[in-house]
Amino acid sequence: MAERVYDTQDGLFDLAWSEVNENQLVTSSGDGSIKMWDVTLADFPIQNWQEHQREVFSVEWNLITKDVFSSGSWDHTVKIWNPQAPRSLQTYTEHTHCVYSTAWSPYNPSMLASASGDQTVKIWDTKSPRSIQTIHAHNNEILSVDWNKYQDNTFVTGSVDCTIKVWDMRRPDRELICLPGHEYAVRRVKCSPHRPNVVASAAYDMSVRFWDTAAPVGNNLMGVHDPHTEFVLGVDFNLYVEGQVASCAWDESVHVFVPPALLRR
């Protein structure tokens, strides 16, 4: 039984629980708005920001400076927010296409990555008005980026070109590893919070795949979860139960499972 149901004026693309208040979460909407909700209140958002000009595709809280979150929008911008502020703290406008994903570094509280349809990942330092690094990561739109939780210069990207790539910021000219295997666009990549070499990916081919980035090239695929019957748009690891994964798809289902591959190694 749902504890709370909130109606909004448009479709929602993403949400994220607050890192500091167990009752609060932010949602990002197709009408360009970002709303903050408090589950102790029944009807209306406690904050409503309307700065983005197009769909807001992602919201993510900073893991270290926990009262700050980022958003990425189809209006090509990345914005930084604090719930106490009536307007965004910062707006980055260098991308030339939709921003599909933003991810805060788990090591550096001022460092943020953004993935865009302009085929680049940009690294931002919130102390600087411009990006500190731009990596042409794929030859197609990049839909997702996530940081490795154990290696502070390493991040992973997923693209419409059906590949996942592992990058080291110190060697931006070429990926460390390219992981082909998905048959359609990779919608989401997630690095394991428990093991530095494990990556999960969700794709429009209706599958979730698990990868061992430390394995010899060609032997990186650990396993495939493919009971979904529509596009898989989300995947995440349980922080508290090692090996447990959740995925969600357009088939209107959430799967919670432990991939056999994560039990074996």
Protein backbone atom coordinates (compact mmCIF):
# COMPACT_ATOMS: atom_id res chain seq x y z
CA MET A 1 0.00 0.00 0.00
CA ALA A 2 1.42 3.38 -1.00
CA GLU A 3 2.15 5.70 1.92
CA ARG A 4 1.93 8.84 -0.20
CA VAL A 5 0.83 9.62 -3.76
CA TYR A 6 1.47 13.06 -5.26
CA ASP A 7 -0.02 14.31 -8.50
CA THR A 8 2.09 16.48 -10.82
CA GLN A 9 1.35 18.40 -14.00
CA ASP A 10 3.67 16.42 -16.26
CA GLY A 11 5.62 13.17 -16.53
CA LEU A 12 8.49 12.64 -14.10
CA PHE A 13 11.94 11.57 -15.30
CA ASP A 14 13.89 11.12 -12.08
CA LEU A 15 13.80 11.41 -8.31
CA ALA A 16 16.29 11.29 -5.45
CA TRP A 17 15.92 11.01 -1.68
CA SER A 18 17.57 13.72 0.39
CA GLU A 19 20.89 12.77 1.96
CA VAL A 20 20.11 14.78 5.11
CA ASN A 21 16.35 14.51 5.69
CA GLU A 22 14.72 11.07 5.65
CA ASN A 23 11.32 12.56 4.77
CA GLN A 24 12.33 14.64 1.76
CA LEU A 25 12.92 13.90 -1.89
CA VAL A 26 13.23 15.85 -5.14
CA THR A 27 11.60 15.02 -8.47
CA SER A 28 12.40 16.24 -11.99
CA SER A 29 9.67 16.81 -14.52
CA GLY A 30 8.90 17.05 -18.21
CA ASP A 31 7.66 20.61 -17.73
CA GLY A 32 11.12 21.79 -16.64
CA SER A 33 10.26 21.95 -12.95
CA ILE A 34 12.05 20.46 -9.97
CA LYS A 35 9.93 19.87 -6.86
CA MET A 36 10.82 18.92 -3.31
CA TRP A 37 8.34 16.83 -1.35
CA ASP A 38 8.05 16.01 2.33
CA VAL A 39 6.35 12.69 3.01
CA THR A 40 4.97 13.98 6.32
CA LEU A 41 2.83 16.40 4.28
CA ALA A 42 -0.09 15.19 2.20
CA ASP A 43 -0.62 17.43 -0.79
CA PHE A 44 1.84 20.02 -2.06
CA PRO A 45 5.58 20.29 -2.68
CA ILE A 46 7.55 22.29 -0.13
CA GLN A 47 9.71 23.76 -2.92
CA ASN A 48 9.10 24.28 -6.63
CA TRP A 49 11.88 25.51 -8.92
CA GLN A 50 11.01 26.44 -12.51
CA GLU A 51 14.30 27.47 -14.13
CA HIS A 52 14.94 24.77 -16.72
CA GLN A 53 13.41 25.48 -20.11
CA ARG A 54 12.88 21.84 -21.08
CA GLU A 55 12.54 18.37 -19.56
CA VAL A 56 14.72 17.73 -16.51
CA PHE A 57 16.18 14.29 -17.06
CA SER A 58 18.19 13.76 -13.88
CA VAL A 59 18.56 14.87 -10.26
CA GLU A 60 21.25 13.68 -7.85
CA TRP A 61 22.30 14.65 -4.35
CA ASN A 62 25.91 15.33 -3.48
CA LEU A 63 27.22 12.40 -1.43
CA ILE A 64 29.55 14.54 0.71
CA THR A 65 28.09 18.06 0.79
CA LYS A 66 24.69 16.54 1.43
CA ASP A 67 22.56 19.69 1.25
CA VAL A 68 23.37 20.22 -2.46
CA PHE A 69 21.96 18.47 -5.54
CA SER A 70 22.45 18.70 -9.31
CA SER A 71 20.09 18.55 -12.26
CA GLY A 72 20.60 17.86 -15.95
CA SER A 73 18.15 19.00 -18.60
CA TRP A 74 17.22 18.76 -22.25
CA ASP A 75 17.79 22.54 -22.33
CA HIS A 76 21.53 21.59 -22.45
CA THR A 77 22.27 22.94 -18.94
CA VAL A 78 23.52 21.52 -15.65
CA LYS A 79 22.34 23.29 -12.51
CA ILE A 80 23.41 23.12 -8.86
CA TRP A 81 20.80 23.61 -6.11
CA ASN A 82 20.40 23.98 -2.38
CA PRO A 83 16.89 23.38 -0.98
CA GLN A 84 17.12 26.53 1.13
CA ALA A 85 17.82 28.75 -1.88
CA PRO A 86 15.00 30.13 -4.05
CA ARG A 87 17.14 29.91 -7.20
CA SER A 88 19.89 27.64 -8.46
CA LEU A 89 23.37 28.26 -7.08
CA GLN A 90 25.07 27.71 -10.42
CA THR A 91 24.26 27.02 -14.07
CA TYR A 92 26.64 25.42 -16.56
CA THR A 93 25.90 25.99 -20.22
CA GLU A 94 28.76 24.39 -22.18
CA HIS A 95 26.96 21.30 -23.44
CA THR A 96 25.50 21.64 -26.95
CA HIS A 97 22.86 18.91 -26.60
CA CYS A 98 20.58 17.36 -23.96
CA VAL A 99 22.17 16.55 -20.60
CA TYR A 100 20.96 13.06 -19.70
CA SER A 101 22.89 12.30 -16.53
CA THR A 102 24.83 13.98 -13.73
CA ALA A 103 26.91 12.26 -11.04
CA TRP A 104 28.78 13.67 -8.04
CA SER A 105 32.22 12.33 -7.24
CA PRO A 106 32.18 10.12 -4.12
CA TYR A 107 35.62 11.51 -3.24
CA ASN A 108 35.58 15.22 -4.08
CA PRO A 109 32.57 17.22 -2.80
CA SER A 110 32.93 19.91 -5.48
CA MET A 111 33.41 17.59 -8.48
CA LEU A 112 30.55 16.64 -10.79
CA ALA A 113 30.35 14.72 -14.08
CA SER A 114 27.68 15.25 -16.74
CA ALA A 115 26.84 13.09 -19.76
CA SER A 116 25.28 14.57 -22.88
CA GLY A 117 23.87 13.93 -26.30
CA ASP A 118 26.80 15.98 -27.63
CA GLN A 119 28.92 12.81 -27.14
CA THR A 120 30.95 14.30 -24.29
CA VAL A 121 31.35 13.88 -20.57
CA LYS A 122 32.26 17.11 -18.83
CA ILE A 123 33.87 17.29 -15.42
CA TRP A 124 32.94 20.34 -13.34
CA ASP A 125 34.36 21.79 -10.17
CA THR A 126 31.73 23.90 -8.44
CA LYS A 127 34.48 26.33 -7.43
CA SER A 128 35.03 27.08 -11.12
CA PRO A 129 32.63 28.75 -13.59
CA ARG A 130 33.73 26.49 -16.46
CA SER A 131 34.30 22.77 -16.92
CA ILE A 132 37.73 21.53 -15.86
CA GLN A 133 37.76 18.66 -18.38
CA THR A 134 35.88 17.55 -21.50
CA ILE A 135 36.14 13.99 -22.79
CA HIS A 136 34.74 12.95 -26.16
CA ALA A 137 33.68 9.59 -24.78
CA HIS A 138 31.51 8.02 -27.52
CA ASN A 139 30.53 8.56 -31.14
CA ASN A 140 26.87 8.78 -30.18
CA GLU A 141 24.72 10.22 -27.40
CA ILE A 142 25.83 9.41 -23.83
CA LEU A 143 22.85 8.56 -21.63
CA SER A 144 24.52 7.71 -18.32
CA VAL A 145 27.64 8.29 -16.22
CA ASP A 146 28.64 6.94 -12.81
CA TRP A 147 31.78 7.14 -10.67
CA ASN A 148 33.71 4.15 -9.42
CA LYS A 149 33.31 4.09 -5.63
CA TYR A 150 36.86 2.77 -5.03
CA GLN A 151 39.01 4.55 -7.64
CA ASP A 152 38.70 8.30 -7.40
CA ASN A 153 39.69 9.13 -10.99
CA THR A 154 37.58 6.44 -12.65
CA PHE A 155 34.09 6.70 -14.10
CA VAL A 156 31.88 4.66 -16.42
CA THR A 157 29.69 5.77 -19.35
CA GLY A 158 26.81 4.18 -21.27
CA SER A 159 25.80 5.25 -24.76
CA VAL A 160 23.35 4.96 -27.64
CA ASP A 161 26.25 3.21 -29.44
CA CYS A 162 25.39 0.13 -27.27
CA THR A 163 28.71 0.16 -25.39
CA ILE A 164 29.87 0.83 -21.85
CA LYS A 165 33.26 2.48 -21.39
CA VAL A 166 35.52 2.82 -18.37
CA TRP A 167 37.57 6.03 -18.14
CA ASP A 168 40.45 7.39 -16.09
CA MET A 169 40.42 11.21 -15.88
CA ARG A 170 44.22 11.23 -15.97
CA ARG A 171 44.21 9.53 -19.39
CA PRO A 172 41.27 11.15 -21.19
CA ASP A 173 42.44 10.44 -24.75
CA ARG A 174 41.27 6.81 -24.68
CA GLU A 175 39.00 4.63 -22.56
CA LEU A 176 40.55 2.01 -20.29
CA ILE A 177 38.02 -0.61 -21.39
CA CYS A 178 35.18 -0.79 -23.92
CA LEU A 179 32.42 -3.28 -23.13
CA PRO A 180 30.25 -4.19 -26.14
CA GLY A 181 27.36 -6.61 -25.85
CA HIS A 182 24.08 -4.74 -25.54
CA GLU A 183 21.96 -4.81 -28.69
CA TYR A 184 20.37 -1.38 -28.17
CA ALA A 185 21.18 1.87 -26.37
CA VAL A 186 22.56 1.64 -22.83
CA ARG A 187 20.23 3.68 -20.64
CA ARG A 188 21.90 3.39 -17.21
CA VAL A 189 25.27 2.35 -15.78
CA LYS A 190 25.96 1.78 -12.07
CA CYS A 191 29.20 0.91 -10.33
CA SER A 192 28.96 -1.55 -7.46
CA PRO A 193 29.25 -0.03 -3.97
CA HIS A 194 30.82 -3.30 -2.76
CA ARG A 195 33.33 -4.32 -5.43
CA PRO A 196 35.60 -2.01 -7.44
CA ASN A 197 35.51 -4.12 -10.60
CA VAL A 198 31.74 -4.73 -10.99
CA VAL A 199 29.47 -2.59 -13.18
CA ALA A 200 25.77 -3.05 -13.95
CA SER A 201 24.10 -1.73 -17.10
CA ALA A 202 20.45 -1.43 -18.16
CA ALA A 203 19.46 -1.07 -21.79
CA TYR A 204 16.72 -0.73 -24.36
CA ASP A 205 17.38 -4.37 -25.35
CA MET A 206 15.32 -5.26 -22.23
CA SER A 207 18.33 -6.67 -20.38
CA VAL A 208 20.45 -5.87 -17.35
CA ARG A 209 24.07 -6.95 -17.71
CA PHE A 210 26.88 -7.32 -15.20
CA TRP A 211 30.51 -6.73 -16.08
CA ASP A 212 33.87 -7.51 -14.50
CA THR A 213 36.18 -4.70 -15.54
CA ALA A 214 39.22 -6.55 -14.15
CA ALA A 215 38.70 -9.65 -16.33
CA PRO A 216 40.72 -10.22 -19.51
CA VAL A 217 39.32 -8.33 -22.50
CA GLY A 218 36.54 -10.37 -24.10
CA ASN A 219 35.66 -12.14 -20.85
CA ASN A 220 34.16 -9.15 -19.06
CA LEU A 221 30.47 -10.16 -19.21
CA MET A 222 29.56 -11.82 -15.89
CA GLY A 223 25.86 -12.40 -16.47
CA VAL A 224 22.60 -11.24 -18.05
CA HIS A 225 19.22 -10.64 -16.38
CA ASP A 226 16.58 -10.62 -19.11
CA PRO A 227 13.07 -11.39 -17.76
CA HIS A 228 11.93 -7.81 -18.45
CA THR A 229 9.63 -7.52 -21.47
CA GLU A 230 10.21 -3.83 -22.20
CA PHE A 231 13.01 -1.23 -22.11
CA VAL A 232 14.97 -1.36 -18.84
CA LEU A 233 15.52 2.21 -17.69
CA GLY A 234 16.92 1.86 -14.17
CA VAL A 235 19.25 -0.37 -12.20
CA ASP A 236 20.88 0.03 -8.80
CA PHE A 237 22.76 -1.97 -6.17
CA ASN A 238 21.46 -2.30 -2.62
CA LEU A 239 23.94 -0.50 -0.38
CA TYR A 240 23.06 -2.69 2.60
CA VAL A 241 22.68 -6.16 1.07
CA GLU A 242 25.74 -7.09 -0.96
CA GLY A 243 24.86 -8.65 -4.31
CA GLN A 244 21.21 -7.55 -4.31
CA VAL A 245 20.12 -5.51 -7.32
CA ALA A 246 16.90 -3.78 -8.37
CA SER A 247 15.83 -2.94 -11.93
CA CYS A 248 12.80 -1.19 -13.39
CA ALA A 249 11.38 -1.16 -16.89
CA TRP A 250 8.60 0.05 -19.17
CA ASP A 251 6.90 -3.30 -18.52
CA GLU A 252 5.66 -1.61 -15.31
CA SER A 253 7.66 -3.97 -13.09
CA VAL A 254 10.47 -3.72 -10.55
CA HIS A 255 12.74 -6.75 -10.21
CA VAL A 256 14.72 -7.29 -6.99
CA PHE A 257 17.23 -10.11 -7.41
CA VAL A 258 20.71 -11.44 -6.67
CA PRO A 259 22.50 -12.21 -9.95
CA PRO A 260 24.15 -15.65 -9.82
CA ALA A 261 27.31 -14.07 -11.23
CA LEU A 262 27.67 -11.90 -8.13
CA LEU A 263 27.44 -14.98 -5.91
CA ARG A 264 30.13 -16.90 -7.80
CA ARG A 265 32.98 -14.39 -7.68
